[in-house]
Amino acid sequence: MFTFVLVLHLIAVCCWLGGALYERCFIVSGFRKEVGSVGEATMLRLLLGSVPFFFTSVITIVVTGITMTVMGKYGFLQWSWIGLKQYIMLGILFLIAFYIAPRMSRLGNQLKWNMEQGVGVDDRMRSQANRVIFYLDVMHIGVLVNLILGVTKFF
């Protein structure tokens, strides 16, 4: 059973990192290339539309991570490689819940309103999107560090 949960966990991590790579290389670069054009709104809509994909990965990672911690009797939030992974994931969850998700929701509502008015992405929205992109990058780096810690069991 532990192996099955581990495989689900790793699949979710691979989906997250693969999605992050796609998001960074194609969507974000497309958003920045299309500044001032109609395509900019489309790329921003694609970025905002990736939320359900990442949310599914996050939920799967959290549930399988907690399950493996309980099954392996590792303990929670202790000073060890798994404790550090848990602290990083906790930080990612706080970042998502209190910074990224609310800003992406407001950005999506503003984009929808602008599109209904026939206006594209304005400078304020562009600035907000760039801040969200920065924190998405921080979050994705946290997942990469967690993957490295999980594979190497560093300390």
N, C-alpha and C. Protein backbone atom coordinates (compact mmCIF):
# COMPACT_ATOMS: atom_id res chain seq x y z
N MET A 1 0.82 -1.20 0.00
CA MET A 1 0.00 0.00 0.00
C MET A 1 0.87 1.27 0.00
N PHE A 2 1.96 1.25 0.78
CA PHE A 2 2.85 2.40 0.85
C PHE A 2 3.41 2.72 -0.54
N THR A 3 3.79 1.69 -1.28
CA THR A 3 4.36 1.89 -2.61
C THR A 3 3.34 2.53 -3.55
N PHE A 4 2.09 2.09 -3.46
CA PHE A 4 1.04 2.66 -4.29
C PHE A 4 0.86 4.15 -4.00
N VAL A 5 0.82 4.50 -2.71
CA VAL A 5 0.67 5.91 -2.31
C VAL A 5 1.88 6.71 -2.77
N LEU A 6 3.07 6.12 -2.65
CA LEU A 6 4.30 6.80 -3.09
C LEU A 6 4.26 7.06 -4.60
N VAL A 7 3.80 6.10 -5.36
CA VAL A 7 3.70 6.28 -6.81
C VAL A 7 2.71 7.40 -7.14
N LEU A 8 1.56 7.44 -6.47
CA LEU A 8 0.61 8.53 -6.67
C LEU A 8 1.24 9.88 -6.32
N HIS A 9 1.97 9.90 -5.23
CA HIS A 9 2.65 11.11 -4.79
C HIS A 9 3.64 11.59 -5.85
N LEU A 10 4.44 10.68 -6.36
CA LEU A 10 5.45 11.04 -7.36
C LEU A 10 4.82 11.46 -8.69
N ILE A 11 3.72 10.83 -9.06
CA ILE A 11 3.01 11.24 -10.27
C ILE A 11 2.50 12.68 -10.12
N ALA A 12 1.95 12.99 -8.95
CA ALA A 12 1.45 14.35 -8.71
C ALA A 12 2.59 15.37 -8.73
N VAL A 13 3.74 15.00 -8.17
CA VAL A 13 4.91 15.90 -8.19
C VAL A 13 5.37 16.11 -9.63
N CYS A 14 5.44 15.03 -10.40
CA CYS A 14 5.85 15.14 -11.81
C CYS A 14 4.87 16.00 -12.60
N CYS A 15 3.58 15.84 -12.33
CA CYS A 15 2.57 16.67 -13.00
C CYS A 15 2.78 18.14 -12.63
N TRP A 16 3.02 18.40 -11.36
CA TRP A 16 3.23 19.78 -10.92
C TRP A 16 4.45 20.37 -11.59
N LEU A 17 5.58 19.67 -11.53
CA LEU A 17 6.80 20.21 -12.12
C LEU A 17 6.71 20.30 -13.65
N GLY A 18 6.08 19.33 -14.28
CA GLY A 18 5.89 19.39 -15.73
C GLY A 18 4.98 20.55 -16.10
N GLY A 19 3.91 20.73 -15.33
CA GLY A 19 3.02 21.87 -15.57
C GLY A 19 3.72 23.19 -15.34
N ALA A 20 4.57 23.23 -14.31
CA ALA A 20 5.33 24.46 -14.01
C ALA A 20 6.29 24.79 -15.14
N LEU A 21 6.94 23.77 -15.68
CA LEU A 21 7.86 23.97 -16.79
C LEU A 21 7.11 24.48 -18.02
N TYR A 22 5.98 23.88 -18.32
CA TYR A 22 5.16 24.33 -19.45
C TYR A 22 4.68 25.76 -19.21
N GLU A 23 4.19 26.01 -17.99
CA GLU A 23 3.70 27.34 -17.65
C GLU A 23 4.80 28.39 -17.84
N ARG A 24 5.99 28.11 -17.34
CA ARG A 24 7.10 29.06 -17.39
C ARG A 24 7.60 29.25 -18.82
N CYS A 25 7.79 28.15 -19.54
CA CYS A 25 8.41 28.23 -20.88
C CYS A 25 7.47 28.73 -21.96
N PHE A 26 6.19 28.39 -21.87
CA PHE A 26 5.28 28.73 -22.96
C PHE A 26 4.27 29.81 -22.58
N ILE A 27 3.59 29.63 -21.46
CA ILE A 27 2.53 30.58 -21.12
C ILE A 27 3.10 31.92 -20.67
N VAL A 28 4.04 31.88 -19.71
CA VAL A 28 4.61 33.13 -19.20
C VAL A 28 5.40 33.86 -20.29
N SER A 29 6.20 33.11 -21.04
CA SER A 29 6.97 33.77 -22.10
C SER A 29 6.04 34.32 -23.18
N GLY A 30 4.95 33.61 -23.47
CA GLY A 30 3.96 34.11 -24.43
C GLY A 30 3.26 35.35 -23.91
N PHE A 31 2.94 35.36 -22.63
CA PHE A 31 2.32 36.53 -22.00
C PHE A 31 3.23 37.74 -22.14
N ARG A 32 4.50 37.54 -21.93
CA ARG A 32 5.45 38.67 -21.99
C ARG A 32 5.75 39.09 -23.42
N LYS A 33 5.68 38.17 -24.38
CA LYS A 33 5.92 38.51 -25.79
C LYS A 33 4.74 39.28 -26.37
N GLU A 34 3.55 38.99 -25.88
CA GLU A 34 2.33 39.56 -26.46
C GLU A 34 1.90 40.88 -25.82
N VAL A 35 2.78 41.54 -25.11
CA VAL A 35 2.42 42.78 -24.40
C VAL A 35 1.76 43.77 -25.36
N GLY A 36 0.58 44.21 -24.94
CA GLY A 36 -0.14 45.22 -25.72
C GLY A 36 -0.99 44.67 -26.85
N SER A 37 -0.96 43.37 -27.08
CA SER A 37 -1.76 42.80 -28.17
C SER A 37 -2.93 42.00 -27.60
N VAL A 38 -3.79 41.54 -28.49
CA VAL A 38 -4.94 40.73 -28.09
C VAL A 38 -4.47 39.40 -27.48
N GLY A 39 -3.36 38.90 -27.95
CA GLY A 39 -2.83 37.63 -27.45
C GLY A 39 -2.43 37.68 -25.99
N GLU A 40 -2.14 38.86 -25.49
CA GLU A 40 -1.74 38.99 -24.09
C GLU A 40 -2.88 38.54 -23.17
N ALA A 41 -4.10 38.94 -23.47
CA ALA A 41 -5.25 38.54 -22.66
C ALA A 41 -5.46 37.03 -22.73
N THR A 42 -5.26 36.46 -23.91
CA THR A 42 -5.40 35.01 -24.08
C THR A 42 -4.36 34.28 -23.25
N MET A 43 -3.12 34.75 -23.26
CA MET A 43 -2.07 34.09 -22.48
C MET A 43 -2.33 34.24 -20.97
N LEU A 44 -2.85 35.39 -20.56
CA LEU A 44 -3.19 35.58 -19.15
C LEU A 44 -4.34 34.65 -18.76
N ARG A 45 -5.30 34.51 -19.64
CA ARG A 45 -6.41 33.59 -19.39
C ARG A 45 -5.90 32.15 -19.27
N LEU A 46 -4.93 31.77 -20.10
CA LEU A 46 -4.31 30.44 -19.99
C LEU A 46 -3.61 30.26 -18.65
N LEU A 47 -2.89 31.29 -18.22
CA LEU A 47 -2.19 31.22 -16.94
C LEU A 47 -3.19 31.05 -15.80
N LEU A 48 -4.24 31.83 -15.81
CA LEU A 48 -5.26 31.74 -14.77
C LEU A 48 -6.04 30.42 -14.86
N GLY A 49 -6.14 29.88 -16.05
CA GLY A 49 -6.86 28.62 -16.25
C GLY A 49 -6.09 27.39 -15.77
N SER A 50 -4.83 27.57 -15.41
CA SER A 50 -4.03 26.43 -14.94
C SER A 50 -4.29 26.11 -13.47
N VAL A 51 -5.07 26.93 -12.80
CA VAL A 51 -5.33 26.76 -11.37
C VAL A 51 -5.91 25.39 -11.04
N PRO A 52 -6.94 24.90 -11.73
CA PRO A 52 -7.48 23.58 -11.36
C PRO A 52 -6.45 22.45 -11.49
N PHE A 53 -5.60 22.54 -12.49
CA PHE A 53 -4.56 21.52 -12.68
C PHE A 53 -3.62 21.51 -11.48
N PHE A 54 -3.11 22.68 -11.09
CA PHE A 54 -2.19 22.74 -9.96
C PHE A 54 -2.89 22.43 -8.64
N PHE A 55 -4.14 22.83 -8.51
CA PHE A 55 -4.89 22.54 -7.29
C PHE A 55 -5.03 21.03 -7.10
N THR A 56 -5.32 20.32 -8.17
CA THR A 56 -5.41 18.86 -8.10
C THR A 56 -4.08 18.25 -7.68
N SER A 57 -2.99 18.74 -8.25
CA SER A 57 -1.67 18.25 -7.87
C SER A 57 -1.37 18.53 -6.40
N VAL A 58 -1.68 19.73 -5.94
CA VAL A 58 -1.42 20.11 -4.55
C VAL A 58 -2.20 19.21 -3.60
N ILE A 59 -3.48 19.03 -3.86
CA ILE A 59 -4.31 18.19 -2.98
C ILE A 59 -3.78 16.76 -2.96
N THR A 60 -3.42 16.24 -4.12
CA THR A 60 -2.88 14.87 -4.18
C THR A 60 -1.58 14.77 -3.41
N ILE A 61 -0.70 15.74 -3.57
CA ILE A 61 0.58 15.72 -2.86
C ILE A 61 0.36 15.79 -1.35
N VAL A 62 -0.50 16.68 -0.91
CA VAL A 62 -0.75 16.83 0.53
C VAL A 62 -1.35 15.55 1.12
N VAL A 63 -2.38 15.02 0.48
CA VAL A 63 -3.04 13.83 1.01
C VAL A 63 -2.10 12.62 1.01
N THR A 64 -1.39 12.40 -0.09
CA THR A 64 -0.48 11.26 -0.12
C THR A 64 0.71 11.47 0.81
N GLY A 65 1.18 12.72 0.94
CA GLY A 65 2.28 13.01 1.86
C GLY A 65 1.90 12.74 3.30
N ILE A 66 0.72 13.18 3.71
CA ILE A 66 0.24 12.91 5.07
C ILE A 66 0.06 11.41 5.27
N THR A 67 -0.51 10.74 4.28
CA THR A 67 -0.71 9.30 4.37
C THR A 67 0.61 8.56 4.55
N MET A 68 1.62 8.91 3.76
CA MET A 68 2.92 8.24 3.87
C MET A 68 3.60 8.56 5.19
N THR A 69 3.42 9.79 5.68
CA THR A 69 4.01 10.16 6.97
C THR A 69 3.41 9.32 8.09
N VAL A 70 2.11 9.14 8.06
CA VAL A 70 1.44 8.33 9.08
C VAL A 70 1.82 6.86 8.93
N MET A 71 1.80 6.36 7.70
CA MET A 71 2.13 4.95 7.47
C MET A 71 3.58 4.63 7.86
N GLY A 72 4.49 5.55 7.58
CA GLY A 72 5.90 5.34 7.88
C GLY A 72 6.29 5.75 9.29
N LYS A 73 5.32 6.31 10.04
CA LYS A 73 5.56 6.77 11.42
C LYS A 73 6.74 7.74 11.49
N TYR A 74 6.78 8.69 10.52
CA TYR A 74 7.87 9.65 10.46
C TYR A 74 7.70 10.80 11.45
N GLY A 75 6.48 11.20 11.72
CA GLY A 75 6.24 12.36 12.58
C GLY A 75 6.07 13.60 11.73
N PHE A 76 5.51 14.61 12.35
CA PHE A 76 5.22 15.85 11.63
C PHE A 76 6.07 16.99 12.15
N LEU A 77 6.61 17.77 11.21
CA LEU A 77 7.30 19.02 11.48
C LEU A 77 8.45 18.88 12.48
N GLN A 78 9.22 17.83 12.32
CA GLN A 78 10.42 17.63 13.13
C GLN A 78 11.63 18.06 12.32
N TRP A 79 12.78 18.16 12.97
CA TRP A 79 13.98 18.56 12.26
C TRP A 79 14.63 17.34 11.63
N SER A 80 14.23 17.07 10.40
CA SER A 80 14.77 15.97 9.61
C SER A 80 14.48 16.30 8.15
N TRP A 81 14.90 15.44 7.26
CA TRP A 81 14.65 15.70 5.84
C TRP A 81 13.15 15.75 5.57
N ILE A 82 12.38 14.89 6.21
CA ILE A 82 10.93 14.89 5.96
C ILE A 82 10.26 16.08 6.65
N GLY A 83 10.78 16.47 7.81
CA GLY A 83 10.25 17.65 8.49
C GLY A 83 10.47 18.91 7.67
N LEU A 84 11.67 19.03 7.07
CA LEU A 84 11.95 20.18 6.21
C LEU A 84 11.02 20.18 5.00
N LYS A 85 10.78 19.02 4.41
CA LYS A 85 9.83 18.92 3.30
C LYS A 85 8.45 19.40 3.73
N GLN A 86 8.04 19.02 4.93
CA GLN A 86 6.73 19.41 5.44
C GLN A 86 6.66 20.92 5.68
N TYR A 87 7.73 21.49 6.22
CA TYR A 87 7.76 22.95 6.42
C TYR A 87 7.68 23.68 5.07
N ILE A 88 8.41 23.20 4.09
CA ILE A 88 8.38 23.83 2.76
C ILE A 88 6.98 23.73 2.17
N MET A 89 6.35 22.56 2.29
CA MET A 89 5.01 22.39 1.74
C MET A 89 4.01 23.26 2.50
N LEU A 90 4.18 23.39 3.80
CA LEU A 90 3.32 24.26 4.58
C LEU A 90 3.47 25.71 4.11
N GLY A 91 4.71 26.12 3.84
CA GLY A 91 4.94 27.46 3.30
C GLY A 91 4.28 27.66 1.95
N ILE A 92 4.37 26.63 1.10
CA ILE A 92 3.73 26.69 -0.22
C ILE A 92 2.22 26.82 -0.06
N LEU A 93 1.63 26.06 0.86
CA LEU A 93 0.19 26.12 1.07
C LEU A 93 -0.24 27.50 1.56
N PHE A 94 0.53 28.10 2.48
CA PHE A 94 0.23 29.45 2.94
C PHE A 94 0.37 30.45 1.79
N LEU A 95 1.40 30.30 0.97
CA LEU A 95 1.61 31.18 -0.17
C LEU A 95 0.43 31.08 -1.14
N ILE A 96 -0.02 29.88 -1.39
CA ILE A 96 -1.17 29.68 -2.28
C ILE A 96 -2.43 30.31 -1.68
N ALA A 97 -2.72 29.96 -0.42
CA ALA A 97 -3.99 30.36 0.19
C ALA A 97 -4.09 31.86 0.45
N PHE A 98 -2.98 32.47 0.87
CA PHE A 98 -3.07 33.86 1.32
C PHE A 98 -2.48 34.88 0.35
N TYR A 99 -1.80 34.42 -0.69
CA TYR A 99 -1.24 35.39 -1.63
C TYR A 99 -1.64 35.07 -3.07
N ILE A 100 -1.29 33.90 -3.53
CA ILE A 100 -1.47 33.60 -4.96
C ILE A 100 -2.94 33.48 -5.34
N ALA A 101 -3.70 32.64 -4.63
CA ALA A 101 -5.10 32.40 -5.01
C ALA A 101 -5.95 33.67 -4.98
N PRO A 102 -5.89 34.49 -3.92
CA PRO A 102 -6.72 35.70 -3.94
C PRO A 102 -6.36 36.66 -5.08
N ARG A 103 -5.06 36.79 -5.36
CA ARG A 103 -4.64 37.70 -6.42
C ARG A 103 -5.01 37.16 -7.80
N MET A 104 -4.90 35.85 -7.97
CA MET A 104 -5.30 35.27 -9.26
C MET A 104 -6.80 35.40 -9.46
N SER A 105 -7.57 35.26 -8.39
CA SER A 105 -9.02 35.42 -8.49
C SER A 105 -9.39 36.85 -8.88
N ARG A 106 -8.77 37.83 -8.23
CA ARG A 106 -9.04 39.24 -8.58
C ARG A 106 -8.60 39.54 -10.00
N LEU A 107 -7.44 38.99 -10.38
CA LEU A 107 -6.93 39.20 -11.73
C LEU A 107 -7.88 38.59 -12.76
N GLY A 108 -8.41 37.41 -12.46
CA GLY A 108 -9.38 36.77 -13.36
C GLY A 108 -10.65 37.57 -13.49
N ASN A 109 -11.15 38.09 -12.38
CA ASN A 109 -12.37 38.91 -12.43
C ASN A 109 -12.12 40.19 -13.21
N GLN A 110 -10.97 40.81 -13.00
CA GLN A 110 -10.64 42.03 -13.73
C GLN A 110 -10.49 41.75 -15.22
N LEU A 111 -9.85 40.64 -15.56
CA LEU A 111 -9.68 40.27 -16.96
C LEU A 111 -11.04 40.03 -17.62
N LYS A 112 -11.91 39.34 -16.91
CA LYS A 112 -13.26 39.08 -17.45
C LYS A 112 -14.00 40.40 -17.69
N TRP A 113 -13.93 41.30 -16.71
CA TRP A 113 -14.58 42.60 -16.85
C TRP A 113 -13.98 43.38 -18.02
N ASN A 114 -12.65 43.39 -18.11
CA ASN A 114 -12.00 44.11 -19.21
C ASN A 114 -12.38 43.53 -20.57
N MET A 115 -12.46 42.22 -20.66
CA MET A 115 -12.82 41.58 -21.94
C MET A 115 -14.26 41.92 -22.32
N GLU A 116 -15.16 41.99 -21.33
CA GLU A 116 -16.55 42.39 -21.60
C GLU A 116 -16.63 43.83 -22.09
N GLN A 117 -15.73 44.67 -21.61
CA GLN A 117 -15.70 46.07 -22.01
C GLN A 117 -14.92 46.29 -23.31
N GLY A 118 -14.29 45.24 -23.81
CA GLY A 118 -13.51 45.36 -25.04
C GLY A 118 -12.12 45.93 -24.81
N VAL A 119 -11.67 45.89 -23.57
CA VAL A 119 -10.35 46.41 -23.21
C VAL A 119 -9.45 45.20 -22.92
N GLY A 120 -8.21 45.30 -23.29
CA GLY A 120 -7.28 44.21 -23.03
C GLY A 120 -6.68 44.31 -21.63
N VAL A 121 -5.47 43.84 -21.52
CA VAL A 121 -4.74 43.87 -20.26
C VAL A 121 -4.11 45.25 -20.10
N ASP A 122 -4.39 45.89 -18.97
CA ASP A 122 -3.80 47.21 -18.73
C ASP A 122 -2.51 47.06 -17.90
N ASP A 123 -1.84 48.18 -17.69
CA ASP A 123 -0.55 48.16 -16.99
C ASP A 123 -0.67 47.64 -15.56
N ARG A 124 -1.74 48.00 -14.88
CA ARG A 124 -1.93 47.54 -13.50
C ARG A 124 -2.09 46.02 -13.46
N MET A 125 -2.87 45.48 -14.37
CA MET A 125 -3.06 44.03 -14.44
C MET A 125 -1.75 43.33 -14.80
N ARG A 126 -1.02 43.92 -15.71
CA ARG A 126 0.27 43.36 -16.12
C ARG A 126 1.22 43.29 -14.93
N SER A 127 1.23 44.35 -14.15
CA SER A 127 2.08 44.40 -12.95
C SER A 127 1.65 43.34 -11.93
N GLN A 128 0.35 43.22 -11.72
CA GLN A 128 -0.16 42.20 -10.80
C GLN A 128 0.17 40.80 -11.28
N ALA A 129 0.02 40.57 -12.57
CA ALA A 129 0.32 39.26 -13.15
C ALA A 129 1.80 38.93 -12.97
N ASN A 130 2.66 39.91 -13.18
CA ASN A 130 4.09 39.67 -13.01
C ASN A 130 4.45 39.35 -11.56
N ARG A 131 3.77 39.97 -10.60
CA ARG A 131 4.00 39.63 -9.19
C ARG A 131 3.54 38.21 -8.89
N VAL A 132 2.39 37.84 -9.42
CA VAL A 132 1.88 36.48 -9.22
C VAL A 132 2.83 35.47 -9.86
N ILE A 133 3.33 35.78 -11.04
CA ILE A 133 4.27 34.89 -11.73
C ILE A 133 5.53 34.69 -10.89
N PHE A 134 6.02 35.76 -10.26
CA PHE A 134 7.20 35.64 -9.40
C PHE A 134 6.92 34.66 -8.26
N TYR A 135 5.77 34.81 -7.59
CA TYR A 135 5.46 33.91 -6.48
C TYR A 135 5.15 32.50 -6.94
N LEU A 136 4.62 32.34 -8.14
CA LEU A 136 4.46 31.00 -8.70
C LEU A 136 5.82 30.34 -8.89
N ASP A 137 6.80 31.13 -9.37
CA ASP A 137 8.16 30.61 -9.53
C ASP A 137 8.75 30.19 -8.19
N VAL A 138 8.55 31.00 -7.16
CA VAL A 138 9.03 30.66 -5.82
C VAL A 138 8.40 29.35 -5.36
N MET A 139 7.11 29.22 -5.58
CA MET A 139 6.39 28.01 -5.20
C MET A 139 6.93 26.80 -5.94
N HIS A 140 7.17 26.94 -7.23
CA HIS A 140 7.67 25.82 -8.02
C HIS A 140 9.08 25.43 -7.60
N ILE A 141 9.90 26.40 -7.23
CA ILE A 141 11.24 26.09 -6.72
C ILE A 141 11.14 25.32 -5.41
N GLY A 142 10.18 25.67 -4.57
CA GLY A 142 9.94 24.93 -3.33
C GLY A 142 9.61 23.47 -3.60
N VAL A 143 8.81 23.22 -4.61
CA VAL A 143 8.47 21.83 -4.97
C VAL A 143 9.71 21.11 -5.49
N LEU A 144 10.52 21.79 -6.26
CA LEU A 144 11.76 21.19 -6.77
C LEU A 144 12.71 20.85 -5.61
N VAL A 145 12.83 21.76 -4.65
CA VAL A 145 13.66 21.48 -3.47
C VAL A 145 13.10 20.28 -2.71
N ASN A 146 11.79 20.21 -2.56
CA ASN A 146 11.18 19.06 -1.90
C ASN A 146 11.47 17.76 -2.64
N LEU A 147 11.43 17.82 -3.95
CA LEU A 147 11.75 16.62 -4.74
C LEU A 147 13.19 16.19 -4.49
N ILE A 148 14.10 17.14 -4.49
CA ILE A 148 15.51 16.84 -4.24
C ILE A 148 15.69 16.26 -2.83
N LEU A 149 15.03 16.86 -1.84
CA LEU A 149 15.11 16.33 -0.47
C LEU A 149 14.56 14.92 -0.38
N GLY A 150 13.46 14.67 -1.08
CA GLY A 150 12.85 13.35 -1.04
C GLY A 150 13.72 12.29 -1.71
N VAL A 151 14.38 12.65 -2.78
CA VAL A 151 15.22 11.68 -3.50
C VAL A 151 16.52 11.44 -2.76
N THR A 152 17.12 12.49 -2.21
CA THR A 152 18.43 12.34 -1.58
C THR A 152 18.34 12.06 -0.08
N LYS A 153 17.21 12.40 0.54
CA LYS A 153 17.08 12.32 2.00
C LYS A 153 18.29 12.96 2.64
N PHE A 154 18.51 14.21 2.29
CA PHE A 154 19.74 14.95 2.48
C PHE A 154 20.33 14.89 3.88
N PHE A 155 19.55 14.95 4.92
CA PHE A 155 20.14 14.90 6.26
C PHE A 155 19.25 14.14 7.21
